[in-house]
Amino acid sequence: MVGMANTSSRALRLLSLLQTHRHWPGGVLAERLAVSERTLRRDVDRLRELGYPVRASRGTDGGYQLAPGAVLPPLLLDDEEAVALAVGIGDAAQSGIDGMREASLRALTKLVQVLPSRLRTRVDTLRATTYSVAAAGPVVAADILTTVAQTCRDQERLRFRYTARGAARTEREVEPHRLVAAGGRWYLVAYDLTRHDWRSFRLDRLTGPAPTGARFRPRPLPAGDAAEFVRAAGGAPDPYTVEALVHAPAARVCRIAGQWATVDPVDDDTCRVTMTSTSLDWPTQALGNVGAEFEVLGPPEFAAHVREWGARFLRATADHP
């Protein structure tokens, strides 16, 4: 049993080392693990059996490297890497980038769940003392996001204090269904056990979320999906599809905005950019970051939004030559 535990620990150590460098010479890797090269080969074979694509090369430059695989392997992170990743994912979850916020929240929930308490404290401190310019609406604390997301995932009842617009703060107990990112805000769609009806709650108005430990059987949602329920309740607008003709090479525009936009070349010096967002601020900022002339193709609301931004910037410099 002890030998099996040592072998498993060594395999984890080997996986960690393979993730830190692109290529490891066999002799150096065996020395780091304090094993023979024969034992190293057996450990590499064990990782392959578990589905990790470890490539081996022979010769004077021979060694091992972890290749991209069909399945994402678990990442072994040191303390600094884990904190940096949690802060970065938290910023992405607060961003106005369409389609990224929900995925970022799922990743943040998984990461925070396994972080030691000392690292959670560091993450909370960093997020409390920094500000992301990409935020498109009220910022929600990472611990609130992850606590609520975990209760949705685990089908566990949730208590919290809530302050609706123009109303006094109330205590709520709900059966959480889904989190929805829309219109630059986070919403919780849940069945309110006090009011015996479905409700959507803005997370920036929610404090002190606490799981009760009581599980529940999900009720049918009176809408096609949670996002539709939030829109029907007047909580979030439909997203805009923004199009612009940018007078710059497509490759240059892709380097700056390609992560959030579709860039289609028109000719060597012009491209068509398409972005989908519930906020018009984000595509305006993204096009401004390109640093090139552009023409708004639609929709009319976006053209008006760009004019308003331009007029505001001109007023800001009116008193300067």
Protein backbone atom coordinates (compact mmCIF):
# COMPACT_ATOMS: atom_id res chain seq x y z
CA MET A 1 0.00 0.00 0.00
CA VAL A 2 2.87 2.37 0.85
CA GLY A 3 4.53 1.58 -2.47
CA MET A 4 1.31 2.36 -4.35
CA ALA A 5 0.97 5.68 -2.52
CA ASN A 6 4.58 6.58 -3.38
CA THR A 7 3.97 5.69 -7.02
CA SER A 8 0.81 7.83 -7.17
CA SER A 9 2.57 10.77 -5.50
CA ARG A 10 5.47 10.48 -7.93
CA ALA A 11 3.08 10.37 -10.91
CA LEU A 12 1.45 13.60 -9.71
CA ARG A 13 4.88 15.16 -9.28
CA LEU A 14 5.84 14.03 -12.79
CA LEU A 15 2.64 15.53 -14.22
CA SER A 16 3.34 18.79 -12.41
CA LEU A 17 6.87 18.98 -13.83
CA LEU A 18 5.67 18.20 -17.36
CA GLN A 19 3.24 21.11 -17.09
CA THR A 20 5.97 23.59 -16.09
CA HIS A 21 8.27 23.15 -19.11
CA ARG A 22 7.63 22.38 -22.74
CA HIS A 23 10.41 19.78 -22.88
CA TRP A 24 12.34 17.87 -20.22
CA PRO A 25 15.54 15.88 -20.94
CA GLY A 26 15.04 12.37 -19.59
CA GLY A 27 18.08 12.44 -17.33
CA VAL A 28 17.15 15.78 -15.78
CA LEU A 29 13.57 14.68 -15.19
CA ALA A 30 14.68 11.43 -13.54
CA GLU A 31 17.08 13.40 -11.32
CA ARG A 32 14.33 15.81 -10.24
CA LEU A 33 12.13 12.85 -9.27
CA ALA A 34 15.05 10.98 -7.63
CA VAL A 35 14.37 7.82 -9.66
CA SER A 36 16.14 5.82 -12.34
CA GLU A 37 15.38 6.45 -16.00
CA ARG A 38 13.82 2.99 -16.14
CA THR A 39 11.39 3.95 -13.35
CA LEU A 40 10.74 7.24 -15.13
CA ARG A 41 9.71 5.36 -18.28
CA ARG A 42 7.27 3.26 -16.24
CA ASP A 43 5.78 6.41 -14.69
CA VAL A 44 5.39 7.98 -18.13
CA ASP A 45 3.60 4.84 -19.34
CA ARG A 46 1.29 5.08 -16.30
CA LEU A 47 0.37 8.67 -17.21
CA ARG A 48 -0.35 7.57 -20.77
CA GLU A 49 -2.66 4.83 -19.47
CA LEU A 50 -4.55 7.53 -17.58
CA GLY A 51 -5.03 9.47 -20.81
CA TYR A 52 -2.20 12.03 -20.64
CA PRO A 53 -0.47 12.36 -24.05
CA VAL A 54 3.22 12.33 -23.08
CA ARG A 55 5.55 12.42 -26.08
CA ALA A 56 9.01 10.88 -25.93
CA SER A 57 11.94 11.64 -28.23
CA ARG A 58 15.27 9.81 -28.50
CA GLY A 59 18.80 10.95 -29.24
CA THR A 60 21.09 13.54 -27.68
CA ASP A 61 18.18 15.98 -27.34
CA GLY A 62 15.76 13.26 -26.28
CA GLY A 63 13.29 13.68 -23.48
CA TYR A 64 9.62 14.08 -22.65
CA GLN A 65 6.90 16.66 -23.15
CA LEU A 66 3.17 16.88 -22.46
CA ALA A 67 1.28 17.26 -25.72
CA PRO A 68 -2.20 18.76 -26.19
CA GLY A 69 -4.83 16.05 -25.78
CA ALA A 70 -8.45 15.41 -26.59
CA VAL A 71 -9.39 15.93 -22.94
CA LEU A 72 -8.24 18.81 -20.73
CA PRO A 73 -6.13 17.30 -17.93
CA PRO A 74 -6.25 18.62 -14.36
CA LEU A 75 -3.80 21.48 -13.87
CA LEU A 76 -1.40 21.38 -10.93
CA LEU A 77 -0.84 24.96 -9.77
CA ASP A 78 1.41 26.52 -7.16
CA ASP A 79 0.01 29.13 -4.76
CA GLU A 80 0.90 32.17 -6.89
CA GLU A 81 -0.54 30.60 -10.04
CA ALA A 82 -3.78 29.64 -8.29
CA VAL A 83 -4.30 33.16 -6.90
CA ALA A 84 -3.52 34.77 -10.28
CA LEU A 85 -5.91 32.41 -12.06
CA ALA A 86 -8.75 33.03 -9.59
CA VAL A 87 -8.37 36.82 -9.86
CA GLY A 88 -8.21 36.65 -13.67
CA ILE A 89 -11.26 34.42 -13.94
CA GLY A 90 -13.11 36.70 -11.53
CA ASP A 91 -12.41 39.67 -13.80
CA ALA A 92 -13.64 37.71 -16.82
CA ALA A 93 -16.83 36.81 -14.96
CA GLN A 94 -17.47 40.54 -14.39
CA SER A 95 -16.68 41.54 -17.98
CA GLY A 96 -19.12 42.68 -20.62
CA ILE A 97 -17.93 40.02 -23.07
CA ASP A 98 -20.93 38.14 -24.40
CA GLY A 99 -20.74 34.38 -23.81
CA MET A 100 -17.70 34.52 -21.51
CA ARG A 101 -19.24 35.45 -18.18
CA GLU A 102 -21.17 32.22 -17.55
CA ALA A 103 -18.20 30.03 -18.51
CA SER A 104 -15.89 32.14 -16.34
CA LEU A 105 -18.24 31.76 -13.38
CA ARG A 106 -18.33 27.98 -13.79
CA ALA A 107 -14.54 27.89 -13.80
CA LEU A 108 -14.30 30.25 -10.82
CA THR A 109 -16.76 28.10 -8.85
CA LYS A 110 -14.68 24.98 -9.43
CA LEU A 111 -11.43 26.72 -8.50
CA VAL A 112 -12.66 28.48 -5.36
CA GLN A 113 -14.16 25.22 -4.11
CA VAL A 114 -10.70 23.62 -3.83
CA LEU A 115 -8.64 26.67 -2.79
CA PRO A 116 -7.23 26.57 0.75
CA SER A 117 -8.69 29.27 3.01
CA ARG A 118 -5.37 31.16 3.10
CA LEU A 119 -5.45 31.51 -0.70
CA ARG A 120 -9.13 32.48 -0.73
CA THR A 121 -8.24 35.36 1.59
CA ARG A 122 -5.52 36.54 -0.82
CA VAL A 123 -7.91 36.35 -3.77
CA ASP A 124 -10.60 38.34 -1.91
CA THR A 125 -8.04 40.99 -0.89
CA LEU A 126 -6.73 41.43 -4.43
CA ARG A 127 -10.22 41.64 -5.93
CA ALA A 128 -11.30 44.15 -3.26
CA THR A 129 -8.38 46.47 -4.00
CA THR A 130 -8.33 46.30 -7.81
CA TYR A 131 -10.75 47.43 -10.49
CA SER A 132 -11.30 46.05 -13.97
CA VAL A 133 -12.13 48.61 -16.65
CA ALA A 134 -13.93 45.91 -18.60
CA ALA A 135 -16.71 45.69 -16.04
CA ALA A 136 -19.97 46.62 -17.75
CA GLY A 137 -22.15 47.00 -14.69
CA PRO A 138 -22.20 46.78 -10.89
CA VAL A 139 -19.37 44.60 -9.60
CA VAL A 140 -20.45 41.57 -7.55
CA ALA A 141 -18.08 40.10 -4.97
CA ALA A 142 -16.53 36.81 -6.06
CA ASP A 143 -17.64 35.05 -2.88
CA ILE A 144 -21.29 35.97 -3.58
CA LEU A 145 -21.03 34.75 -7.17
CA THR A 146 -19.45 31.45 -6.22
CA THR A 147 -21.73 30.80 -3.22
CA VAL A 148 -24.88 31.33 -5.27
CA ALA A 149 -23.50 29.34 -8.21
CA GLN A 150 -22.66 26.40 -5.97
CA THR A 151 -26.20 26.26 -4.55
CA CYS A 152 -27.63 26.31 -8.08
CA ARG A 153 -25.33 23.46 -9.05
CA ASP A 154 -26.00 21.41 -5.89
CA GLN A 155 -29.78 22.11 -5.77
CA GLU A 156 -29.49 23.46 -2.23
CA ARG A 157 -31.79 26.06 -0.67
CA LEU A 158 -30.31 29.51 -0.16
CA ARG A 159 -30.97 32.35 2.33
CA PHE A 160 -29.92 35.95 1.77
CA ARG A 161 -30.86 39.58 2.42
CA TYR A 162 -32.27 41.47 -0.55
CA THR A 163 -32.96 45.14 -1.21
CA ALA A 164 -35.26 45.74 -4.18
CA ARG A 165 -35.35 49.19 -5.79
CA GLY A 166 -37.26 51.60 -3.59
CA ALA A 167 -38.02 48.94 -0.99
CA ALA A 168 -36.76 47.98 2.45
CA ARG A 169 -34.32 45.12 2.90
CA THR A 170 -35.98 41.72 3.31
CA GLU A 171 -34.89 38.20 4.26
CA ARG A 172 -35.40 35.63 1.50
CA GLU A 173 -35.19 31.85 1.28
CA VAL A 174 -35.23 30.42 -2.23
CA GLU A 175 -34.68 27.36 -4.35
CA PRO A 176 -31.96 28.66 -6.72
CA HIS A 177 -32.31 27.67 -10.37
CA ARG A 178 -29.77 29.48 -12.56
CA LEU A 179 -27.50 32.53 -12.72
CA VAL A 180 -27.94 34.76 -15.76
CA ALA A 181 -25.51 37.43 -16.99
CA ALA A 182 -27.41 40.05 -18.96
CA GLY A 183 -27.32 43.79 -19.52
CA GLY A 184 -24.05 44.14 -17.60
CA ARG A 185 -25.58 42.58 -14.46
CA TRP A 186 -25.88 39.19 -12.77
CA TYR A 187 -29.33 37.80 -11.95
CA LEU A 188 -30.39 34.80 -9.88
CA VAL A 189 -33.51 33.04 -11.10
CA ALA A 190 -35.08 31.20 -8.16
CA TYR A 191 -38.34 30.00 -6.63
CA ASP A 192 -39.13 32.28 -3.68
CA LEU A 193 -40.39 30.10 -0.82
CA THR A 194 -41.97 33.04 1.02
CA ARG A 195 -43.89 34.44 -1.94
CA HIS A 196 -44.52 31.02 -3.49
CA ASP A 197 -43.56 32.20 -6.94
CA TRP A 198 -40.63 32.51 -9.31
CA ARG A 199 -38.47 35.63 -9.02
CA SER A 200 -35.27 37.10 -10.50
CA PHE A 201 -32.85 38.78 -8.08
CA ARG A 202 -30.02 41.17 -8.98
CA LEU A 203 -26.86 39.92 -7.31
CA ASP A 204 -25.54 43.43 -6.66
CA ARG A 205 -28.58 43.95 -4.39
CA LEU A 206 -28.08 40.65 -2.58
CA THR A 207 -26.00 40.25 0.60
CA GLY A 208 -25.10 37.49 3.04
CA PRO A 209 -25.93 34.45 0.88
CA ALA A 210 -25.87 31.29 3.02
CA PRO A 211 -26.66 27.73 1.92
CA THR A 212 -29.15 26.07 4.30
CA GLY A 213 -28.01 22.50 3.69
CA ALA A 214 -31.55 21.50 2.60
CA ARG A 215 -31.74 19.91 -0.85
CA PHE A 216 -34.77 20.28 -3.15
CA ARG A 217 -36.26 18.74 -6.25
CA PRO A 218 -36.21 21.29 -9.13
CA ARG A 219 -39.55 22.79 -10.12
CA PRO A 220 -40.47 23.45 -13.78
CA LEU A 221 -39.50 26.98 -14.78
CA PRO A 222 -42.40 28.98 -16.31
CA ALA A 223 -40.26 30.02 -19.31
CA GLY A 224 -38.15 28.48 -22.03
CA ASP A 225 -34.97 29.11 -20.07
CA ALA A 226 -33.62 31.32 -17.28
CA ALA A 227 -32.42 34.08 -19.65
CA GLU A 228 -35.89 34.29 -21.20
CA PHE A 229 -37.42 34.52 -17.71
CA VAL A 230 -35.14 37.47 -16.81
CA ARG A 231 -35.98 39.28 -20.05
CA ALA A 232 -39.71 38.71 -19.55
CA ALA A 233 -39.41 40.18 -16.06
CA GLY A 234 -37.89 43.32 -17.56
CA GLY A 235 -34.48 42.62 -16.09
CA ALA A 236 -32.36 42.52 -19.23
CA PRO A 237 -32.52 43.85 -22.78
CA ASP A 238 -32.01 41.73 -25.87
CA PRO A 239 -28.38 41.76 -27.09
CA TYR A 240 -27.24 44.04 -29.92
CA THR A 241 -25.41 42.77 -32.98
CA VAL A 242 -22.94 45.51 -33.84
CA GLU A 243 -21.27 45.76 -37.25
CA ALA A 244 -18.53 48.12 -38.38
CA LEU A 245 -16.20 48.54 -41.35
CA VAL A 246 -12.68 49.02 -39.99
CA HIS A 247 -9.96 50.55 -42.17
CA ALA A 248 -7.15 48.30 -40.98
CA PRO A 249 -5.85 44.85 -41.99
CA ALA A 250 -7.88 41.97 -40.58
CA ALA A 251 -4.79 40.42 -38.94
CA ARG A 252 -4.17 43.61 -36.94
CA VAL A 253 -7.80 43.85 -35.83
CA CYS A 254 -7.83 40.15 -34.85
CA ARG A 255 -4.81 40.65 -32.59
CA ILE A 256 -6.65 43.38 -30.67
CA ALA A 257 -10.33 42.41 -30.76
CA GLY A 258 -10.49 38.95 -32.29
CA GLN A 259 -11.20 37.27 -28.97
CA TRP A 260 -14.56 39.05 -28.73
CA ALA A 261 -15.44 39.75 -32.35
CA THR A 262 -15.82 38.10 -35.75
CA VAL A 263 -13.38 39.71 -38.19
CA ASP A 264 -13.94 39.18 -41.92
CA PRO A 265 -11.41 40.61 -44.43
CA VAL A 266 -12.83 42.85 -47.18
CA ASP A 267 -9.49 43.62 -48.79
CA ASP A 268 -5.86 43.97 -47.67
CA ASP A 269 -6.56 47.15 -45.69
CA THR A 270 -10.21 46.81 -44.64
CA CYS A 271 -12.28 44.33 -42.65
CA ARG A 272 -15.81 43.88 -41.36
CA VAL A 273 -16.15 43.47 -37.58
CA THR A 274 -19.22 41.94 -35.90
CA MET A 275 -19.79 41.85 -32.12
CA THR A 276 -22.75 40.75 -30.00
CA SER A 277 -23.29 42.41 -26.62
CA THR A 278 -26.07 43.54 -24.32
CA SER A 279 -24.05 46.70 -23.66
CA LEU A 280 -23.05 49.17 -26.38
CA ASP A 281 -20.15 50.46 -24.27
CA TRP A 282 -18.03 47.35 -24.79
CA PRO A 283 -18.02 47.32 -28.66
CA THR A 284 -17.42 51.10 -28.64
CA GLN A 285 -14.36 50.61 -26.45
CA ALA A 286 -13.14 47.62 -28.46
CA LEU A 287 -13.29 49.53 -31.76
CA GLY A 288 -11.56 52.51 -30.16
CA ASN A 289 -8.75 50.24 -28.99
CA VAL A 290 -8.00 49.23 -32.59
CA GLY A 291 -6.70 52.74 -33.26
CA ALA A 292 -8.01 52.96 -36.84
CA GLU A 293 -10.78 54.76 -38.73
CA PHE A 294 -14.06 52.83 -38.85
CA GLU A 295 -17.61 53.22 -40.13
CA VAL A 296 -20.65 52.04 -38.19
CA LEU A 297 -22.83 49.76 -40.32
CA GLY A 298 -25.49 49.12 -37.68
CA PRO A 299 -27.63 49.09 -35.71
CA PRO A 300 -28.84 52.71 -35.45
CA GLU A 301 -28.60 52.57 -31.65
CA PHE A 302 -24.89 51.87 -31.92
CA ALA A 303 -24.33 54.78 -34.31
CA ALA A 304 -26.06 57.11 -31.83
CA HIS A 305 -24.00 55.65 -28.99
CA VAL A 306 -20.71 56.30 -30.81
CA ARG A 307 -21.80 59.88 -31.60
CA GLU A 308 -22.60 60.45 -27.92
CA TRP A 309 -19.16 59.13 -26.88
CA GLY A 310 -17.46 61.32 -29.49
CA ALA A 311 -19.33 64.44 -28.39
CA ARG A 312 -18.43 63.76 -24.76
CA PHE A 313 -14.72 63.42 -25.60
CA LEU A 314 -14.80 66.63 -27.65
CA ARG A 315 -16.38 68.51 -24.72
CA ALA A 316 -13.66 67.18 -22.45
CA THR A 317 -10.98 68.89 -24.62
CA ALA A 318 -12.90 72.05 -25.53
CA ASP A 319 -10.75 74.30 -23.32
CA HIS A 320 -7.43 72.94 -24.61
CA PRO A 321 -5.75 74.01 -27.83
